[in-house]
Amino acid sequence: MRVVLVEDHHLVRAGLRLLLEEGGHRVVGEFARAEEALSTPWEADLVLLDLNLPGQGGLEALPLLAQRAPVLVVSMHDEPAYVARAFQLGARGYLPKHALDQDLLEALERLRQGLRYLHPSLTEALLEGQRTPTPEVLSPRERALVGLLAQGYTLSQAAEALGISLKTASTYKQRAMNKLGLMETPELVRWAREQGLA
């Protein structure tokens, strides 16, 4: 299979490339940022996508990449919301980074056959992900920030109220959205209100 890697860590990319080549596959493109992968012409049979990327996040880029080739998410995140959201956005497979070498090759074989792949350790997470995530998935600081946003605070007002920088507040907000599998601020606000955080 011709494979494109979208992963910002050079060592991880090198390791994946070695595994793929040993398994008889060919890496035809490597990108550290989703924007680069989306703006570059390439033809491949599969995309290996990390979710934690600088700039445009993996979840945000996933639907666009999935239009060009099947996507196998390879991520350190095994939270239910991530797993469920990735499949909702078009992923064909999901592999945690703690998986073994043979798991990656098995995932590639299943996708090559037109099947989906979910690592056995994530089956329960995916089933859990069908339920609405509860506030406990967020850290106390993330919860506090989201609660203020749900009350109508702007991000800068919430940062000031919590005594943190705007950059830190933005990081908390993005982490919360990633954990919850949400893409837009209004979705985050609606979730927070439904959960009684406002």
N, C-alpha and C. Protein backbone atom coordinates (compact mmCIF):
# COMPACT_ATOMS: atom_id res chain seq x y z
N MET A 1 0.83 -1.20 0.00
CA MET A 1 0.00 0.00 0.00
C MET A 1 0.87 1.25 0.00
N ARG A 2 0.38 2.27 -0.69
CA ARG A 2 1.05 3.58 -0.66
C ARG A 2 0.47 4.36 0.52
N VAL A 3 1.35 4.82 1.41
CA VAL A 3 0.91 5.43 2.67
C VAL A 3 1.45 6.84 2.82
N VAL A 4 0.59 7.74 3.32
CA VAL A 4 0.99 9.10 3.68
C VAL A 4 0.99 9.19 5.21
N LEU A 5 2.06 9.74 5.78
CA LEU A 5 2.16 9.93 7.23
C LEU A 5 1.91 11.39 7.58
N VAL A 6 1.00 11.63 8.52
CA VAL A 6 0.77 12.98 9.04
C VAL A 6 1.00 12.90 10.53
N GLU A 7 2.22 13.25 10.94
CA GLU A 7 2.69 13.08 12.32
C GLU A 7 3.78 14.11 12.57
N ASP A 8 3.67 14.88 13.66
CA ASP A 8 4.61 15.99 13.84
C ASP A 8 5.92 15.58 14.51
N HIS A 9 6.00 14.38 15.08
CA HIS A 9 7.25 13.97 15.72
C HIS A 9 8.11 13.16 14.74
N HIS A 10 9.30 13.68 14.48
CA HIS A 10 10.19 13.06 13.48
C HIS A 10 10.52 11.62 13.83
N LEU A 11 10.82 11.35 15.11
CA LEU A 11 11.19 9.99 15.51
C LEU A 11 10.04 9.02 15.31
N VAL A 12 8.82 9.47 15.61
CA VAL A 12 7.65 8.60 15.42
C VAL A 12 7.46 8.31 13.93
N ARG A 13 7.61 9.37 13.11
CA ARG A 13 7.49 9.18 11.66
C ARG A 13 8.52 8.18 11.15
N ALA A 14 9.76 8.32 11.63
CA ALA A 14 10.83 7.42 11.19
C ALA A 14 10.51 5.97 11.59
N GLY A 15 10.00 5.79 12.80
CA GLY A 15 9.65 4.46 13.26
C GLY A 15 8.51 3.85 12.45
N LEU A 16 7.51 4.66 12.18
CA LEU A 16 6.38 4.19 11.37
C LEU A 16 6.83 3.82 9.96
N ARG A 17 7.69 4.68 9.39
CA ARG A 17 8.18 4.42 8.03
C ARG A 17 8.93 3.09 7.97
N LEU A 18 9.76 2.85 8.99
CA LEU A 18 10.52 1.60 9.04
C LEU A 18 9.59 0.40 9.13
N LEU A 19 8.60 0.48 10.01
CA LEU A 19 7.63 -0.61 10.15
C LEU A 19 6.88 -0.87 8.86
N LEU A 20 6.44 0.22 8.23
CA LEU A 20 5.67 0.10 6.99
C LEU A 20 6.50 -0.53 5.89
N GLU A 21 7.74 -0.07 5.75
CA GLU A 21 8.60 -0.59 4.69
C GLU A 21 8.94 -2.05 4.93
N GLU A 22 9.14 -2.42 6.20
CA GLU A 22 9.42 -3.82 6.52
C GLU A 22 8.21 -4.70 6.20
N GLY A 23 7.00 -4.10 6.29
CA GLY A 23 5.78 -4.84 5.99
C GLY A 23 5.42 -4.83 4.52
N GLY A 24 6.31 -4.26 3.70
CA GLY A 24 6.08 -4.27 2.25
C GLY A 24 5.27 -3.09 1.74
N HIS A 25 5.06 -2.07 2.57
CA HIS A 25 4.31 -0.89 2.15
C HIS A 25 5.29 0.22 1.77
N ARG A 26 4.76 1.25 1.11
CA ARG A 26 5.62 2.34 0.63
C ARG A 26 5.10 3.69 1.12
N VAL A 27 5.96 4.44 1.79
CA VAL A 27 5.59 5.77 2.26
C VAL A 27 5.79 6.76 1.11
N VAL A 28 4.70 7.40 0.68
CA VAL A 28 4.79 8.30 -0.47
C VAL A 28 4.68 9.77 -0.07
N GLY A 29 4.51 10.02 1.22
CA GLY A 29 4.46 11.40 1.69
C GLY A 29 4.56 11.46 3.20
N GLU A 30 5.28 12.47 3.71
CA GLU A 30 5.41 12.67 5.16
C GLU A 30 5.17 14.14 5.47
N PHE A 31 4.30 14.39 6.43
CA PHE A 31 3.96 15.77 6.78
C PHE A 31 3.90 15.93 8.30
N ALA A 32 4.43 17.06 8.78
CA ALA A 32 4.39 17.34 10.22
C ALA A 32 3.14 18.13 10.59
N ARG A 33 2.46 18.70 9.59
CA ARG A 33 1.27 19.51 9.84
C ARG A 33 0.16 19.09 8.88
N ALA A 34 -1.07 19.15 9.36
CA ALA A 34 -2.22 18.77 8.52
C ALA A 34 -2.35 19.72 7.33
N GLU A 35 -2.06 21.01 7.56
CA GLU A 35 -2.18 21.98 6.47
C GLU A 35 -1.29 21.60 5.30
N GLU A 36 -0.09 21.10 5.59
CA GLU A 36 0.84 20.71 4.52
C GLU A 36 0.28 19.51 3.75
N ALA A 37 -0.28 18.56 4.49
CA ALA A 37 -0.84 17.36 3.83
C ALA A 37 -2.02 17.73 2.94
N LEU A 38 -2.82 18.70 3.40
CA LEU A 38 -4.01 19.08 2.64
C LEU A 38 -3.69 19.94 1.42
N SER A 39 -2.58 20.67 1.48
CA SER A 39 -2.25 21.58 0.38
C SER A 39 -1.29 20.96 -0.63
N THR A 40 -0.83 19.76 -0.36
CA THR A 40 0.13 19.09 -1.26
C THR A 40 -0.58 18.01 -2.07
N PRO A 41 -0.33 17.95 -3.39
CA PRO A 41 -0.93 16.87 -4.18
C PRO A 41 -0.22 15.54 -3.90
N TRP A 42 -0.98 14.50 -3.66
CA TRP A 42 -0.42 13.15 -3.49
C TRP A 42 -1.51 12.13 -3.77
N GLU A 43 -1.07 10.94 -4.11
CA GLU A 43 -1.99 9.82 -4.30
C GLU A 43 -1.53 8.69 -3.40
N ALA A 44 -2.45 8.18 -2.58
CA ALA A 44 -2.09 7.13 -1.65
C ALA A 44 -3.28 6.21 -1.41
N ASP A 45 -3.00 5.05 -0.83
CA ASP A 45 -4.05 4.09 -0.49
C ASP A 45 -4.50 4.24 0.95
N LEU A 46 -3.70 5.00 1.73
CA LEU A 46 -3.99 5.12 3.15
C LEU A 46 -3.26 6.33 3.74
N VAL A 47 -3.90 6.96 4.74
CA VAL A 47 -3.27 8.03 5.50
C VAL A 47 -3.16 7.58 6.95
N LEU A 48 -1.98 7.67 7.52
CA LEU A 48 -1.78 7.46 8.95
C LEU A 48 -1.77 8.84 9.61
N LEU A 49 -2.72 9.10 10.48
CA LEU A 49 -2.94 10.45 11.01
C LEU A 49 -2.83 10.49 12.53
N ASP A 50 -1.97 11.38 13.03
CA ASP A 50 -1.93 11.68 14.45
C ASP A 50 -2.98 12.76 14.72
N LEU A 51 -3.53 12.80 15.93
CA LEU A 51 -4.54 13.81 16.24
C LEU A 51 -3.95 15.07 16.84
N ASN A 52 -2.85 14.92 17.59
CA ASN A 52 -2.22 16.08 18.23
C ASN A 52 -1.19 16.68 17.27
N LEU A 53 -1.62 17.67 16.53
CA LEU A 53 -0.74 18.32 15.56
C LEU A 53 -0.69 19.81 15.82
N PRO A 54 0.44 20.45 15.51
CA PRO A 54 0.48 21.90 15.62
C PRO A 54 -0.41 22.53 14.56
N GLY A 55 -1.01 23.67 14.87
CA GLY A 55 -1.89 24.31 13.89
C GLY A 55 -3.21 23.56 13.81
N GLN A 56 -3.62 23.23 12.61
CA GLN A 56 -4.89 22.52 12.43
C GLN A 56 -4.80 21.13 13.05
N GLY A 57 -5.72 20.82 13.94
CA GLY A 57 -5.70 19.54 14.64
C GLY A 57 -6.10 18.39 13.74
N GLY A 58 -5.75 17.18 14.17
CA GLY A 58 -6.05 16.00 13.37
C GLY A 58 -7.54 15.76 13.18
N LEU A 59 -8.34 15.99 14.23
CA LEU A 59 -9.78 15.79 14.10
C LEU A 59 -10.38 16.75 13.08
N GLU A 60 -9.88 17.98 13.09
CA GLU A 60 -10.37 19.00 12.16
C GLU A 60 -10.03 18.63 10.72
N ALA A 61 -8.84 18.09 10.52
CA ALA A 61 -8.39 17.76 9.16
C ALA A 61 -8.93 16.42 8.67
N LEU A 62 -9.37 15.58 9.59
CA LEU A 62 -9.75 14.21 9.24
C LEU A 62 -10.77 14.11 8.11
N PRO A 63 -11.88 14.85 8.15
CA PRO A 63 -12.86 14.69 7.07
C PRO A 63 -12.31 15.02 5.69
N LEU A 64 -11.43 16.03 5.62
CA LEU A 64 -10.85 16.42 4.34
C LEU A 64 -9.86 15.38 3.85
N LEU A 65 -9.05 14.85 4.77
CA LEU A 65 -8.10 13.81 4.38
C LEU A 65 -8.83 12.53 3.96
N ALA A 66 -9.94 12.24 4.65
CA ALA A 66 -10.70 11.02 4.35
C ALA A 66 -11.33 11.06 2.96
N GLN A 67 -11.47 12.27 2.40
CA GLN A 67 -11.99 12.38 1.03
C GLN A 67 -10.94 11.94 0.01
N ARG A 68 -9.67 11.97 0.42
CA ARG A 68 -8.58 11.64 -0.50
C ARG A 68 -8.10 10.20 -0.38
N ALA A 69 -8.20 9.64 0.85
CA ALA A 69 -7.78 8.25 1.08
C ALA A 69 -8.31 7.79 2.42
N PRO A 70 -8.48 6.48 2.63
CA PRO A 70 -8.90 5.99 3.94
C PRO A 70 -7.90 6.44 5.01
N VAL A 71 -8.42 6.75 6.20
CA VAL A 71 -7.57 7.27 7.28
C VAL A 71 -7.52 6.29 8.44
N LEU A 72 -6.30 5.96 8.86
CA LEU A 72 -6.07 5.21 10.09
C LEU A 72 -5.50 6.17 11.11
N VAL A 73 -6.24 6.43 12.17
CA VAL A 73 -5.75 7.31 13.23
C VAL A 73 -4.76 6.52 14.09
N VAL A 74 -3.60 7.10 14.34
CA VAL A 74 -2.60 6.51 15.24
C VAL A 74 -2.34 7.57 16.30
N SER A 75 -2.89 7.36 17.50
CA SER A 75 -2.89 8.43 18.49
C SER A 75 -2.58 7.92 19.89
N MET A 76 -2.05 8.83 20.72
CA MET A 76 -1.84 8.51 22.13
C MET A 76 -3.15 8.56 22.89
N HIS A 77 -4.18 9.16 22.30
CA HIS A 77 -5.47 9.32 22.98
C HIS A 77 -6.32 8.07 22.83
N ASP A 78 -6.74 7.52 23.96
CA ASP A 78 -7.66 6.39 23.89
C ASP A 78 -8.96 6.70 24.63
N GLU A 79 -9.21 8.01 24.89
CA GLU A 79 -10.45 8.40 25.54
C GLU A 79 -11.64 8.11 24.61
N PRO A 80 -12.77 7.71 25.19
CA PRO A 80 -13.94 7.36 24.37
C PRO A 80 -14.33 8.44 23.38
N ALA A 81 -14.30 9.71 23.82
CA ALA A 81 -14.76 10.78 22.93
C ALA A 81 -13.89 10.89 21.69
N TYR A 82 -12.57 10.72 21.86
CA TYR A 82 -11.67 10.79 20.70
C TYR A 82 -11.98 9.67 19.72
N VAL A 83 -12.11 8.46 20.25
CA VAL A 83 -12.31 7.29 19.39
C VAL A 83 -13.63 7.42 18.62
N ALA A 84 -14.69 7.73 19.35
CA ALA A 84 -16.01 7.84 18.70
C ALA A 84 -16.03 8.97 17.69
N ARG A 85 -15.45 10.12 18.07
CA ARG A 85 -15.47 11.28 17.17
C ARG A 85 -14.68 11.02 15.90
N ALA A 86 -13.55 10.33 16.04
CA ALA A 86 -12.73 10.04 14.86
C ALA A 86 -13.51 9.22 13.84
N PHE A 87 -14.24 8.21 14.32
CA PHE A 87 -15.04 7.40 13.39
C PHE A 87 -16.19 8.21 12.81
N GLN A 88 -16.80 9.08 13.63
CA GLN A 88 -17.87 9.93 13.12
C GLN A 88 -17.38 10.84 11.99
N LEU A 89 -16.12 11.25 12.09
CA LEU A 89 -15.56 12.19 11.10
C LEU A 89 -14.95 11.50 9.89
N GLY A 90 -15.03 10.16 9.86
CA GLY A 90 -14.59 9.47 8.64
C GLY A 90 -13.41 8.55 8.76
N ALA A 91 -12.85 8.37 9.96
CA ALA A 91 -11.72 7.44 10.11
C ALA A 91 -12.18 6.02 9.78
N ARG A 92 -11.29 5.24 9.19
CA ARG A 92 -11.58 3.83 8.91
C ARG A 92 -10.97 2.91 9.96
N GLY A 93 -10.05 3.46 10.75
CA GLY A 93 -9.42 2.66 11.79
C GLY A 93 -8.83 3.54 12.87
N TYR A 94 -8.59 2.95 14.04
CA TYR A 94 -8.04 3.70 15.18
C TYR A 94 -7.09 2.79 15.93
N LEU A 95 -5.84 3.26 16.04
CA LEU A 95 -4.78 2.47 16.67
C LEU A 95 -4.10 3.33 17.74
N PRO A 96 -4.07 2.88 19.00
CA PRO A 96 -3.35 3.65 20.02
C PRO A 96 -1.85 3.52 19.84
N LYS A 97 -1.10 4.52 20.27
CA LYS A 97 0.36 4.47 20.08
C LYS A 97 1.03 3.43 20.96
N HIS A 98 0.31 2.90 21.95
CA HIS A 98 0.91 1.83 22.76
C HIS A 98 0.74 0.46 22.09
N ALA A 99 0.15 0.42 20.91
CA ALA A 99 -0.07 -0.85 20.20
C ALA A 99 1.26 -1.46 19.77
N LEU A 100 1.21 -2.74 19.45
CA LEU A 100 2.40 -3.47 19.01
C LEU A 100 2.59 -3.33 17.50
N ASP A 101 3.81 -3.66 17.05
CA ASP A 101 4.14 -3.59 15.61
C ASP A 101 3.12 -4.37 14.78
N GLN A 102 2.82 -5.60 15.23
CA GLN A 102 1.93 -6.45 14.43
C GLN A 102 0.50 -5.89 14.38
N ASP A 103 0.14 -5.10 15.40
CA ASP A 103 -1.19 -4.47 15.39
C ASP A 103 -1.30 -3.49 14.22
N LEU A 104 -0.24 -2.74 13.99
CA LEU A 104 -0.24 -1.80 12.88
C LEU A 104 -0.39 -2.54 11.55
N LEU A 105 0.36 -3.61 11.39
CA LEU A 105 0.31 -4.36 10.13
C LEU A 105 -1.06 -5.03 9.95
N GLU A 106 -1.65 -5.47 11.07
CA GLU A 106 -3.00 -6.06 11.00
C GLU A 106 -4.02 -5.00 10.59
N ALA A 107 -3.87 -3.79 11.16
CA ALA A 107 -4.78 -2.70 10.82
C ALA A 107 -4.69 -2.36 9.33
N LEU A 108 -3.46 -2.32 8.81
CA LEU A 108 -3.27 -2.02 7.39
C LEU A 108 -3.91 -3.08 6.51
N GLU A 109 -3.77 -4.33 6.91
CA GLU A 109 -4.35 -5.42 6.12
C GLU A 109 -5.88 -5.33 6.11
N ARG A 110 -6.47 -5.02 7.26
CA ARG A 110 -7.93 -4.91 7.31
C ARG A 110 -8.42 -3.75 6.44
N LEU A 111 -7.73 -2.62 6.50
CA LEU A 111 -8.14 -1.47 5.68
C LEU A 111 -7.92 -1.76 4.20
N ARG A 112 -6.86 -2.52 3.89
CA ARG A 112 -6.60 -2.87 2.49
C ARG A 112 -7.76 -3.71 1.94
N GLN A 113 -8.38 -4.49 2.82
CA GLN A 113 -9.51 -5.33 2.41
C GLN A 113 -10.83 -4.56 2.39
N GLY A 114 -10.76 -3.26 2.72
CA GLY A 114 -11.97 -2.46 2.72
C GLY A 114 -12.75 -2.55 4.03
N LEU A 115 -12.12 -3.14 5.06
CA LEU A 115 -12.77 -3.28 6.36
C LEU A 115 -12.34 -2.15 7.29
N ARG A 116 -13.02 -2.04 8.42
CA ARG A 116 -12.61 -1.08 9.44
C ARG A 116 -11.72 -1.79 10.45
N TYR A 117 -10.97 -0.98 11.23
CA TYR A 117 -10.12 -1.58 12.26
C TYR A 117 -10.25 -0.77 13.54
N LEU A 118 -10.47 -1.48 14.64
CA LEU A 118 -10.44 -0.86 15.97
C LEU A 118 -9.61 -1.76 16.86
N HIS A 119 -8.57 -1.19 17.46
CA HIS A 119 -7.71 -1.98 18.34
C HIS A 119 -8.54 -2.57 19.47
N PRO A 120 -8.30 -3.84 19.81
CA PRO A 120 -9.12 -4.51 20.84
C PRO A 120 -9.23 -3.72 22.15
N SER A 121 -8.16 -3.01 22.53
CA SER A 121 -8.19 -2.27 23.80
C SER A 121 -9.15 -1.09 23.76
N LEU A 122 -9.59 -0.72 22.56
CA LEU A 122 -10.45 0.46 22.41
C LEU A 122 -11.92 0.11 22.21
N THR A 123 -12.23 -1.16 22.12
CA THR A 123 -13.63 -1.54 21.86
C THR A 123 -14.56 -0.97 22.91
N GLU A 124 -14.17 -1.13 24.18
CA GLU A 124 -14.99 -0.62 25.28
C GLU A 124 -15.07 0.90 25.22
N ALA A 125 -13.94 1.52 24.85
CA ALA A 125 -13.92 2.98 24.76
C ALA A 125 -14.89 3.48 23.70
N LEU A 126 -14.96 2.77 22.58
CA LEU A 126 -15.87 3.19 21.52
C LEU A 126 -17.32 3.04 21.98
N LEU A 127 -17.62 1.95 22.66
CA LEU A 127 -18.99 1.76 23.17
C LEU A 127 -19.32 2.85 24.18
N GLU A 128 -18.35 3.18 25.04
CA GLU A 128 -18.56 4.25 26.01
C GLU A 128 -18.76 5.58 25.31
N GLY A 129 -18.06 5.74 24.20
CA GLY A 129 -18.10 7.01 23.47
C GLY A 129 -19.44 7.31 22.85
N GLN A 130 -20.31 6.30 22.77
CA GLN A 130 -21.64 6.55 22.24
C GLN A 130 -22.48 7.35 23.25
N ARG A 131 -22.02 7.36 24.51
CA ARG A 131 -22.72 8.12 25.53
C ARG A 131 -22.13 9.53 25.61
N THR A 132 -22.90 10.46 26.14
CA THR A 132 -22.42 11.83 26.27
C THR A 132 -21.32 11.87 27.33
N PRO A 133 -20.15 12.42 27.01
CA PRO A 133 -19.08 12.50 28.01
C PRO A 133 -19.53 13.36 29.20
N THR A 134 -19.08 12.99 30.38
CA THR A 134 -19.42 13.75 31.58
C THR A 134 -18.28 14.71 31.92
N PRO A 135 -18.55 15.70 32.78
CA PRO A 135 -17.50 16.69 33.10
C PRO A 135 -16.23 16.09 33.69
N GLU A 136 -16.34 14.86 34.24
CA GLU A 136 -15.17 14.23 34.87
C GLU A 136 -14.02 13.98 33.90
N VAL A 137 -14.31 13.99 32.58
CA VAL A 137 -13.22 13.77 31.62
C VAL A 137 -12.30 14.99 31.55
N LEU A 138 -12.76 16.13 32.05
CA LEU A 138 -11.97 17.36 32.02
C LEU A 138 -11.22 17.55 33.33
N SER A 139 -10.07 18.22 33.24
CA SER A 139 -9.35 18.58 34.46
C SER A 139 -10.13 19.70 35.17
N PRO A 140 -9.88 19.93 36.48
CA PRO A 140 -10.59 21.00 37.19
C PRO A 140 -10.44 22.37 36.51
N ARG A 141 -9.25 22.67 36.00
CA ARG A 141 -9.02 23.98 35.35
C ARG A 141 -9.79 24.05 34.03
N GLU A 142 -9.79 22.95 33.26
CA GLU A 142 -10.55 22.93 32.01
C GLU A 142 -12.04 23.11 32.29
N ARG A 143 -12.51 22.43 33.35
CA ARG A 143 -13.92 22.52 33.72
C ARG A 143 -14.29 23.95 34.11
N ALA A 144 -13.42 24.59 34.89
CA ALA A 144 -13.69 25.96 35.32
C ALA A 144 -13.77 26.91 34.13
N LEU A 145 -12.85 26.75 33.19
CA LEU A 145 -12.85 27.61 32.01
C LEU A 145 -14.11 27.39 31.18
N VAL A 146 -14.45 26.14 30.93
CA VAL A 146 -15.62 25.83 30.12
C VAL A 146 -16.89 26.36 30.79
N GLY A 147 -16.94 26.26 32.12
CA GLY A 147 -18.09 26.78 32.85
C GLY A 147 -18.27 28.27 32.66
N LEU A 148 -17.16 29.02 32.67
CA LEU A 148 -17.23 30.46 32.46
C LEU A 148 -17.67 30.79 31.03
N LEU A 149 -17.16 30.04 30.06
CA LEU A 149 -17.57 30.26 28.67
C LEU A 149 -19.07 30.00 28.52
N ALA A 150 -19.56 28.99 29.22
CA ALA A 150 -20.99 28.66 29.14
C ALA A 150 -21.85 29.73 29.79
N GLN A 151 -21.23 30.50 30.71
CA GLN A 151 -21.96 31.59 31.36
C GLN A 151 -21.94 32.87 30.53
N GLY A 152 -21.24 32.82 29.39
CA GLY A 152 -21.24 33.98 28.51
C GLY A 152 -19.96 34.79 28.53
N TYR A 153 -18.97 34.35 29.31
CA TYR A 153 -17.68 35.04 29.32
C TYR A 153 -16.98 34.85 27.97
N THR A 154 -16.25 35.87 27.53
CA THR A 154 -15.36 35.68 26.38
C THR A 154 -14.13 34.93 26.89
N LEU A 155 -13.31 34.44 25.97
CA LEU A 155 -12.12 33.71 26.39
C LEU A 155 -11.19 34.60 27.21
N SER A 156 -11.04 35.85 26.80
CA SER A 156 -10.15 36.77 27.53
C SER A 156 -10.72 37.09 28.91
N GLN A 157 -12.04 37.24 29.01
CA GLN A 157 -12.67 37.50 30.31
C GLN A 157 -12.51 36.29 31.23
N ALA A 158 -12.68 35.09 30.65
CA ALA A 158 -12.52 33.87 31.44
C ALA A 158 -11.08 33.72 31.93
N ALA A 159 -10.13 34.05 31.06
CA ALA A 159 -8.72 33.98 31.44
C ALA A 159 -8.43 34.92 32.60
N GLU A 160 -8.97 36.12 32.51
CA GLU A 160 -8.76 37.12 33.57
C GLU A 160 -9.38 36.63 34.88
N ALA A 161 -10.58 36.08 34.80
CA ALA A 161 -11.28 35.61 36.00
C ALA A 161 -10.51 34.47 36.68
N LEU A 162 -9.85 33.65 35.87
CA LEU A 162 -9.10 32.51 36.42
C LEU A 162 -7.65 32.86 36.75
N GLY A 163 -7.23 34.09 36.39
CA GLY A 163 -5.86 34.52 36.67
C GLY A 163 -4.83 33.80 35.83
N ILE A 164 -5.20 33.50 34.58
CA ILE A 164 -4.27 32.82 33.67
C ILE A 164 -4.14 33.64 32.39
N SER A 165 -3.12 33.35 31.60
CA SER A 165 -2.92 34.07 30.35
C SER A 165 -3.95 33.63 29.31
N LEU A 166 -4.15 34.45 28.31
CA LEU A 166 -5.08 34.12 27.23
C LEU A 166 -4.61 32.86 26.50
N LYS A 167 -3.28 32.73 26.35
CA LYS A 167 -2.73 31.56 25.67
C LYS A 167 -3.05 30.28 26.46
N THR A 168 -2.89 30.34 27.77
CA THR A 168 -3.20 29.18 28.62
C THR A 168 -4.68 28.85 28.55
N ALA A 169 -5.51 29.88 28.57
CA ALA A 169 -6.96 29.68 28.48
C ALA A 169 -7.32 29.01 27.16
N SER A 170 -6.68 29.46 26.09
CA SER A 170 -6.93 28.89 24.77
C SER A 170 -6.52 27.41 24.74
N THR A 171 -5.39 27.09 25.41
CA THR A 171 -4.93 25.71 25.49
C THR A 171 -5.93 24.84 26.24
N TYR A 172 -6.43 25.35 27.38
CA TYR A 172 -7.43 24.60 28.16
C TYR A 172 -8.68 24.34 27.32
N LYS A 173 -9.11 25.37 26.61
CA LYS A 173 -10.32 25.24 25.80
C LYS A 173 -10.13 24.19 24.71
N GLN A 174 -8.98 24.22 24.04
CA GLN A 174 -8.72 23.27 22.97
C GLN A 174 -8.62 21.85 23.51
N ARG A 175 -7.98 21.71 24.67
CA ARG A 175 -7.88 20.37 25.28
C ARG A 175 -9.26 19.83 25.62
N ALA A 176 -10.11 20.71 26.18
CA ALA A 176 -11.46 20.30 26.54
C ALA A 176 -12.24 19.86 25.31
N MET A 177 -12.13 20.62 24.23
CA MET A 177 -12.85 20.29 23.00
C MET A 177 -12.34 18.97 22.42
N ASN A 178 -11.03 18.76 22.49
CA ASN A 178 -10.45 17.51 21.99
C ASN A 178 -10.96 16.32 22.80
N LYS A 179 -10.95 16.45 24.13
CA LYS A 179 -11.39 15.35 24.99
C LYS A 179 -12.87 15.01 24.75
N LEU A 180 -13.65 16.05 24.45
CA LEU A 180 -15.09 15.86 24.26
C LEU A 180 -15.44 15.51 22.82
N GLY A 181 -14.44 15.59 21.94
CA GLY A 181 -14.70 15.30 20.53
C GLY A 181 -15.54 16.37 19.86
N LEU A 182 -15.38 17.62 20.30
CA LEU A 182 -16.17 18.73 19.75
C LEU A 182 -15.29 19.59 18.84
N MET A 183 -15.94 20.22 17.85
CA MET A 183 -15.19 21.01 16.87
C MET A 183 -15.41 22.51 17.02
N GLU A 184 -16.57 22.91 17.53
CA GLU A 184 -16.94 24.33 17.55
C GLU A 184 -17.25 24.79 18.97
N THR A 185 -16.97 26.08 19.25
CA THR A 185 -17.24 26.64 20.58
C THR A 185 -18.72 26.55 20.97
N PRO A 186 -19.68 26.82 20.06
CA PRO A 186 -21.09 26.68 20.45
C PRO A 186 -21.44 25.27 20.93
N GLU A 187 -20.80 24.25 20.34
CA GLU A 187 -21.03 22.87 20.79
C GLU A 187 -20.53 22.69 22.22
N LEU A 188 -19.38 23.31 22.50
CA LEU A 188 -18.79 23.24 23.84
C LEU A 188 -19.69 23.91 24.86
N VAL A 189 -20.20 25.07 24.51
CA VAL A 189 -21.09 25.83 25.40
C VAL A 189 -22.38 25.04 25.65
N ARG A 190 -22.93 24.47 24.59
CA ARG A 190 -24.17 23.69 24.73
C ARG A 190 -23.95 22.48 25.64
N TRP A 191 -22.83 21.78 25.43
CA TRP A 191 -22.51 20.62 26.28
C TRP A 191 -22.40 21.05 27.74
N ALA A 192 -21.68 22.16 27.99
CA ALA A 192 -21.47 22.63 29.36
C ALA A 192 -22.79 22.97 30.04
N ARG A 193 -23.68 23.59 29.30
CA ARG A 193 -24.98 23.94 29.88
C ARG A 193 -25.82 22.70 30.17
N GLU A 194 -25.74 21.72 29.25
CA GLU A 194 -26.48 20.47 29.46
C GLU A 194 -25.96 19.71 30.67
N GLN A 195 -24.66 19.89 30.95
CA GLN A 195 -24.03 19.20 32.08
C GLN A 195 -24.11 20.00 33.38
N GLY A 196 -24.77 21.17 33.31
CA GLY A 196 -24.95 21.99 34.51
C GLY A 196 -23.72 22.75 34.96
N LEU A 197 -22.79 23.01 34.03
CA LEU A 197 -21.58 23.75 34.39
C LEU A 197 -21.77 25.25 34.36
N ALA A 198 -22.84 25.71 33.71
CA ALA A 198 -23.06 27.16 33.58
C ALA A 198 -23.70 27.72 34.85
